Amino acid sequence: MALKFMCGTSATKPITLVLLLVMLMVLQTGQALAARKVLTVPEFSQQPYDKICWATSASMIIAYFKGDTIDRDVEIAKDKYGSNFNQPAYISDTEYYVRKYTGKAGSIQLILSHIPLCSTK
């Protein structure tokens, strides 16, 4: 449909239709953005330990899914390493413990790696 830029009522119909279509598209986009949600995930600290951020992350996710505020980071790290638990682990370990405690299998996408960040300094 071509737009006609002429005076009169017949010329304004195509322009009105285009404006209505644009408004509909904008409203649809606004509804999609409004569907986003901020999750209330409990915040825990890995301190005083310096290498169990993986277990702390798992603990926060587990607490969210269970609807509680129990910090399980040391418990999780001890389950993996025993008494010498202040050690790093892989993201797959975080996934494993979330699945173990909640029964929910998930996936991790677009993870930010520490190595590229170090190489930019």
N, C-alpha and C. Protein backbone atom coordinates (compact mmCIF):
# COMPACT_ATOMS: atom_id res chain seq x y z
N MET A 1 0.86 -1.17 0.00
CA MET A 1 0.00 0.00 0.00
C MET A 1 0.90 1.23 0.00
N ALA A 2 0.70 2.09 -0.93
CA ALA A 2 1.48 3.32 -1.05
C ALA A 2 0.80 4.42 -0.26
N LEU A 3 1.61 5.28 0.34
CA LEU A 3 1.07 6.42 1.07
C LEU A 3 0.83 7.57 0.10
N LYS A 4 -0.31 8.17 0.25
CA LYS A 4 -0.65 9.32 -0.58
C LYS A 4 -0.61 10.55 0.31
N PHE A 5 0.19 11.50 -0.06
CA PHE A 5 0.28 12.74 0.71
C PHE A 5 -0.54 13.81 0.02
N MET A 6 -1.84 13.69 0.12
CA MET A 6 -2.75 14.67 -0.47
C MET A 6 -3.72 15.10 0.62
N CYS A 7 -4.32 16.23 0.39
CA CYS A 7 -5.32 16.72 1.33
C CYS A 7 -6.63 15.98 1.09
N GLY A 8 -7.44 15.92 2.13
CA GLY A 8 -8.75 15.29 1.98
C GLY A 8 -8.83 14.02 2.80
N THR A 9 -10.04 13.49 2.97
CA THR A 9 -10.26 12.33 3.83
C THR A 9 -9.72 11.05 3.23
N SER A 10 -9.77 10.87 1.92
CA SER A 10 -9.29 9.63 1.33
C SER A 10 -7.77 9.53 1.43
N ALA A 11 -7.08 10.65 1.48
CA ALA A 11 -5.62 10.63 1.58
C ALA A 11 -5.16 10.31 3.00
N THR A 12 -5.95 10.61 4.00
CA THR A 12 -5.53 10.39 5.38
C THR A 12 -5.77 8.95 5.84
N LYS A 13 -6.59 8.19 5.15
CA LYS A 13 -6.87 6.81 5.56
C LYS A 13 -5.61 5.94 5.56
N PRO A 14 -4.80 5.94 4.49
CA PRO A 14 -3.59 5.10 4.53
C PRO A 14 -2.61 5.54 5.61
N ILE A 15 -2.49 6.83 5.84
CA ILE A 15 -1.58 7.33 6.87
C ILE A 15 -2.08 6.91 8.25
N THR A 16 -3.37 7.00 8.47
CA THR A 16 -3.96 6.59 9.74
C THR A 16 -3.73 5.11 9.98
N LEU A 17 -3.88 4.31 8.95
CA LEU A 17 -3.67 2.87 9.07
C LEU A 17 -2.22 2.56 9.44
N VAL A 18 -1.29 3.23 8.80
CA VAL A 18 0.13 3.02 9.11
C VAL A 18 0.42 3.43 10.55
N LEU A 19 -0.12 4.56 10.98
CA LEU A 19 0.10 5.01 12.35
C LEU A 19 -0.47 4.01 13.36
N LEU A 20 -1.64 3.47 13.06
CA LEU A 20 -2.24 2.46 13.95
C LEU A 20 -1.37 1.21 14.02
N LEU A 21 -0.83 0.78 12.89
CA LEU A 21 0.04 -0.39 12.88
C LEU A 21 1.31 -0.14 13.70
N VAL A 22 1.89 1.04 13.56
CA VAL A 22 3.08 1.38 14.33
C VAL A 22 2.76 1.39 15.82
N MET A 23 1.62 1.97 16.19
CA MET A 23 1.23 2.00 17.60
C MET A 23 1.03 0.59 18.15
N LEU A 24 0.43 -0.29 17.36
CA LEU A 24 0.23 -1.67 17.78
C LEU A 24 1.57 -2.37 18.02
N MET A 25 2.52 -2.12 17.13
CA MET A 25 3.85 -2.74 17.29
C MET A 25 4.53 -2.23 18.55
N VAL A 26 4.41 -0.95 18.83
CA VAL A 26 5.01 -0.38 20.03
C VAL A 26 4.36 -0.96 21.28
N LEU A 27 3.05 -1.09 21.28
CA LEU A 27 2.35 -1.65 22.44
C LEU A 27 2.74 -3.10 22.67
N GLN A 28 2.88 -3.88 21.62
CA GLN A 28 3.29 -5.27 21.75
C GLN A 28 4.69 -5.38 22.35
N THR A 29 5.59 -4.52 21.92
CA THR A 29 6.95 -4.52 22.46
C THR A 29 6.93 -4.14 23.93
N GLY A 30 6.12 -3.18 24.30
CA GLY A 30 6.01 -2.76 25.69
C GLY A 30 5.51 -3.89 26.58
N GLN A 31 4.56 -4.67 26.10
CA GLN A 31 4.05 -5.79 26.87
C GLN A 31 5.12 -6.85 27.06
N ALA A 32 5.93 -7.08 26.04
CA ALA A 32 7.01 -8.07 26.16
C ALA A 32 8.03 -7.63 27.20
N LEU A 33 8.35 -6.36 27.23
CA LEU A 33 9.30 -5.86 28.22
C LEU A 33 8.71 -5.90 29.62
N ALA A 34 7.43 -5.69 29.74
CA ALA A 34 6.78 -5.71 31.05
C ALA A 34 6.72 -7.12 31.62
N ALA A 35 6.90 -8.14 30.79
CA ALA A 35 6.84 -9.52 31.24
C ALA A 35 8.12 -9.93 31.98
N ARG A 36 9.17 -9.13 31.91
CA ARG A 36 10.40 -9.46 32.64
C ARG A 36 10.14 -9.39 34.13
N LYS A 37 10.92 -10.15 34.88
CA LYS A 37 10.68 -10.22 36.32
C LYS A 37 12.02 -10.25 37.05
N VAL A 38 12.10 -9.55 38.14
CA VAL A 38 13.28 -9.58 39.00
C VAL A 38 13.03 -10.64 40.07
N LEU A 39 13.94 -11.59 40.18
CA LEU A 39 13.78 -12.67 41.15
C LEU A 39 14.35 -12.27 42.50
N THR A 40 13.71 -12.72 43.55
CA THR A 40 14.17 -12.45 44.91
C THR A 40 15.04 -13.62 45.36
N VAL A 41 16.31 -13.53 45.07
CA VAL A 41 17.26 -14.59 45.42
C VAL A 41 18.02 -14.15 46.67
N PRO A 42 18.07 -15.03 47.70
CA PRO A 42 18.82 -14.67 48.91
C PRO A 42 20.30 -14.43 48.58
N GLU A 43 20.90 -13.48 49.28
CA GLU A 43 22.32 -13.17 49.07
C GLU A 43 23.13 -13.73 50.23
N PHE A 44 24.13 -14.53 49.89
CA PHE A 44 25.05 -15.08 50.88
C PHE A 44 26.47 -14.66 50.53
N SER A 45 27.33 -14.63 51.53
CA SER A 45 28.74 -14.31 51.32
C SER A 45 29.58 -15.57 51.49
N GLN A 46 30.62 -15.71 50.70
CA GLN A 46 31.52 -16.85 50.84
C GLN A 46 32.54 -16.62 51.95
N GLN A 47 32.60 -15.42 52.49
CA GLN A 47 33.58 -15.08 53.52
C GLN A 47 33.33 -15.89 54.78
N PRO A 48 34.32 -16.29 55.50
CA PRO A 48 35.73 -15.91 55.43
C PRO A 48 36.55 -16.74 54.44
N TYR A 49 35.92 -17.56 53.65
CA TYR A 49 36.64 -18.42 52.71
C TYR A 49 36.79 -17.70 51.37
N ASP A 50 37.90 -17.93 50.70
CA ASP A 50 38.16 -17.17 49.48
C ASP A 50 38.00 -17.97 48.19
N LYS A 51 37.69 -19.25 48.27
CA LYS A 51 37.64 -20.06 47.06
C LYS A 51 36.34 -20.84 46.87
N ILE A 52 35.32 -20.54 47.65
CA ILE A 52 34.09 -21.32 47.53
C ILE A 52 32.93 -20.51 46.93
N CYS A 53 33.26 -19.60 46.02
CA CYS A 53 32.19 -18.82 45.38
C CYS A 53 31.24 -19.74 44.61
N TRP A 54 31.76 -20.82 44.05
CA TRP A 54 30.94 -21.79 43.33
C TRP A 54 29.88 -22.40 44.25
N ALA A 55 30.27 -22.72 45.49
CA ALA A 55 29.34 -23.30 46.45
C ALA A 55 28.35 -22.25 46.96
N THR A 56 28.82 -21.02 47.10
CA THR A 56 27.94 -19.93 47.53
C THR A 56 26.90 -19.64 46.46
N SER A 57 27.30 -19.66 45.20
CA SER A 57 26.34 -19.47 44.10
C SER A 57 25.29 -20.57 44.11
N ALA A 58 25.74 -21.81 44.26
CA ALA A 58 24.80 -22.93 44.32
C ALA A 58 23.86 -22.77 45.51
N SER A 59 24.40 -22.35 46.64
CA SER A 59 23.60 -22.17 47.85
C SER A 59 22.49 -21.13 47.66
N MET A 60 22.81 -20.03 46.99
CA MET A 60 21.80 -18.99 46.74
C MET A 60 20.71 -19.50 45.81
N ILE A 61 21.10 -20.24 44.78
CA ILE A 61 20.11 -20.79 43.84
C ILE A 61 19.22 -21.81 44.54
N ILE A 62 19.84 -22.67 45.34
CA ILE A 62 19.08 -23.69 46.08
C ILE A 62 18.08 -23.03 47.02
N ALA A 63 18.53 -22.02 47.77
CA ALA A 63 17.64 -21.32 48.70
C ALA A 63 16.47 -20.68 47.97
N TYR A 64 16.73 -20.13 46.78
CA TYR A 64 15.65 -19.53 45.99
C TYR A 64 14.61 -20.59 45.64
N PHE A 65 15.05 -21.71 45.11
CA PHE A 65 14.12 -22.76 44.70
C PHE A 65 13.40 -23.40 45.87
N LYS A 66 14.05 -23.51 47.01
CA LYS A 66 13.42 -24.11 48.19
C LYS A 66 12.59 -23.10 48.98
N GLY A 67 12.75 -21.82 48.67
CA GLY A 67 11.97 -20.79 49.37
C GLY A 67 12.43 -20.58 50.80
N ASP A 68 13.73 -20.78 51.05
CA ASP A 68 14.24 -20.56 52.40
C ASP A 68 15.46 -19.63 52.36
N THR A 69 16.07 -19.42 53.50
CA THR A 69 17.26 -18.56 53.56
C THR A 69 18.42 -19.30 54.22
N ILE A 70 18.50 -20.59 54.02
CA ILE A 70 19.57 -21.40 54.60
C ILE A 70 20.81 -21.31 53.72
N ASP A 71 21.92 -20.89 54.32
CA ASP A 71 23.19 -20.80 53.61
C ASP A 71 23.88 -22.17 53.68
N ARG A 72 24.01 -22.82 52.55
CA ARG A 72 24.56 -24.18 52.49
C ARG A 72 25.96 -24.23 51.88
N ASP A 73 26.63 -23.10 51.72
CA ASP A 73 27.89 -23.11 50.97
C ASP A 73 28.97 -23.99 51.57
N VAL A 74 29.19 -23.92 52.88
CA VAL A 74 30.21 -24.75 53.52
C VAL A 74 29.81 -26.22 53.46
N GLU A 75 28.54 -26.49 53.68
CA GLU A 75 28.03 -27.86 53.58
C GLU A 75 28.30 -28.46 52.20
N ILE A 76 28.05 -27.66 51.16
CA ILE A 76 28.26 -28.11 49.78
C ILE A 76 29.75 -28.32 49.51
N ALA A 77 30.58 -27.37 49.92
CA ALA A 77 32.02 -27.48 49.69
C ALA A 77 32.60 -28.68 50.45
N LYS A 78 32.13 -28.91 51.67
CA LYS A 78 32.61 -30.07 52.44
C LYS A 78 32.15 -31.37 51.80
N ASP A 79 30.98 -31.37 51.20
CA ASP A 79 30.50 -32.57 50.52
C ASP A 79 31.44 -32.95 49.37
N LYS A 80 31.96 -31.94 48.68
CA LYS A 80 32.86 -32.20 47.55
C LYS A 80 34.29 -32.50 47.99
N TYR A 81 34.82 -31.75 48.95
CA TYR A 81 36.24 -31.83 49.28
C TYR A 81 36.56 -32.36 50.68
N GLY A 82 35.58 -32.54 51.52
CA GLY A 82 35.87 -32.98 52.88
C GLY A 82 36.33 -31.81 53.74
N SER A 83 37.19 -32.09 54.72
CA SER A 83 37.59 -31.04 55.67
C SER A 83 38.48 -29.97 55.04
N ASN A 84 39.14 -30.27 53.94
CA ASN A 84 39.96 -29.28 53.23
C ASN A 84 39.11 -28.66 52.10
N PHE A 85 38.03 -28.01 52.48
CA PHE A 85 36.99 -27.63 51.52
C PHE A 85 37.18 -26.28 50.85
N ASN A 86 38.08 -25.44 51.30
CA ASN A 86 38.25 -24.11 50.70
C ASN A 86 39.04 -24.22 49.40
N GLN A 87 38.37 -24.76 48.38
CA GLN A 87 38.99 -25.00 47.08
C GLN A 87 38.04 -24.59 45.97
N PRO A 88 38.58 -24.19 44.84
CA PRO A 88 37.72 -23.83 43.71
C PRO A 88 37.12 -25.08 43.06
N ALA A 89 36.11 -24.85 42.25
CA ALA A 89 35.47 -25.95 41.52
C ALA A 89 34.97 -25.41 40.19
N TYR A 90 34.39 -26.28 39.41
CA TYR A 90 33.88 -25.92 38.09
C TYR A 90 32.41 -25.54 38.16
N ILE A 91 31.96 -24.85 37.12
CA ILE A 91 30.54 -24.48 37.05
C ILE A 91 29.66 -25.73 37.01
N SER A 92 30.19 -26.81 36.47
CA SER A 92 29.43 -28.06 36.44
C SER A 92 29.17 -28.57 37.86
N ASP A 93 30.08 -28.26 38.80
CA ASP A 93 29.85 -28.64 40.20
C ASP A 93 28.69 -27.84 40.79
N THR A 94 28.61 -26.57 40.43
CA THR A 94 27.48 -25.74 40.87
C THR A 94 26.18 -26.33 40.35
N GLU A 95 26.15 -26.66 39.07
CA GLU A 95 24.95 -27.29 38.49
C GLU A 95 24.60 -28.59 39.20
N TYR A 96 25.61 -29.40 39.47
CA TYR A 96 25.39 -30.69 40.13
C TYR A 96 24.71 -30.51 41.48
N TYR A 97 25.21 -29.58 42.30
CA TYR A 97 24.64 -29.40 43.63
C TYR A 97 23.25 -28.77 43.60
N VAL A 98 23.00 -27.90 42.66
CA VAL A 98 21.63 -27.37 42.52
C VAL A 98 20.68 -28.51 42.20
N ARG A 99 21.08 -29.37 41.28
CA ARG A 99 20.24 -30.52 40.90
C ARG A 99 20.09 -31.48 42.08
N LYS A 100 21.19 -31.71 42.81
CA LYS A 100 21.17 -32.64 43.95
C LYS A 100 20.21 -32.18 45.04
N TYR A 101 20.22 -30.89 45.35
CA TYR A 101 19.41 -30.36 46.44
C TYR A 101 17.97 -30.04 46.04
N THR A 102 17.75 -29.70 44.78
CA THR A 102 16.41 -29.25 44.37
C THR A 102 15.70 -30.22 43.43
N GLY A 103 16.46 -31.07 42.78
CA GLY A 103 15.86 -31.96 41.78
C GLY A 103 15.59 -31.25 40.47
N LYS A 104 16.01 -30.00 40.36
CA LYS A 104 15.77 -29.22 39.14
C LYS A 104 17.03 -29.22 38.28
N ALA A 105 16.86 -29.67 37.05
CA ALA A 105 17.97 -29.63 36.10
C ALA A 105 17.85 -28.34 35.31
N GLY A 106 18.92 -27.64 35.19
CA GLY A 106 18.91 -26.38 34.45
C GLY A 106 20.06 -26.34 33.48
N SER A 107 20.28 -25.18 32.94
CA SER A 107 21.41 -25.01 32.04
C SER A 107 22.03 -23.65 32.31
N ILE A 108 23.29 -23.56 31.97
CA ILE A 108 24.01 -22.31 32.15
C ILE A 108 24.39 -21.81 30.78
N GLN A 109 24.00 -20.58 30.48
CA GLN A 109 24.25 -20.01 29.17
C GLN A 109 24.91 -18.65 29.31
N LEU A 110 25.76 -18.34 28.37
CA LEU A 110 26.42 -17.03 28.31
C LEU A 110 27.14 -16.69 29.60
N ILE A 111 27.86 -17.67 30.12
CA ILE A 111 28.58 -17.45 31.37
C ILE A 111 29.79 -16.55 31.13
N LEU A 112 30.04 -15.67 32.05
CA LEU A 112 31.17 -14.76 31.97
C LEU A 112 32.40 -15.48 32.52
N SER A 113 33.41 -15.62 31.70
CA SER A 113 34.62 -16.32 32.12
C SER A 113 35.61 -15.35 32.76
N HIS A 114 36.31 -15.82 33.76
CA HIS A 114 37.30 -15.01 34.46
C HIS A 114 38.56 -14.81 33.61
N ILE A 115 38.92 -15.79 32.80
CA ILE A 115 40.16 -15.73 32.02
C ILE A 115 40.18 -14.56 31.04
N PRO A 116 39.14 -14.34 30.22
CA PRO A 116 39.18 -13.17 29.33
C PRO A 116 39.27 -11.85 30.08
N LEU A 117 38.68 -11.79 31.25
CA LEU A 117 38.75 -10.55 32.04
C LEU A 117 40.18 -10.28 32.48
N CYS A 118 40.89 -11.32 32.85
CA CYS A 118 42.29 -11.15 33.27
C CYS A 118 43.18 -10.73 32.11
N SER A 119 42.88 -11.21 30.92
CA SER A 119 43.74 -10.90 29.77
C SER A 119 43.54 -9.48 29.25
N THR A 120 42.52 -8.77 29.71
CA THR A 120 42.27 -7.41 29.24
C THR A 120 43.02 -6.37 30.06
N LYS A 121 43.67 -6.77 31.10
CA LYS A 121 44.37 -5.81 31.98
C LYS A 121 45.67 -5.37 31.37
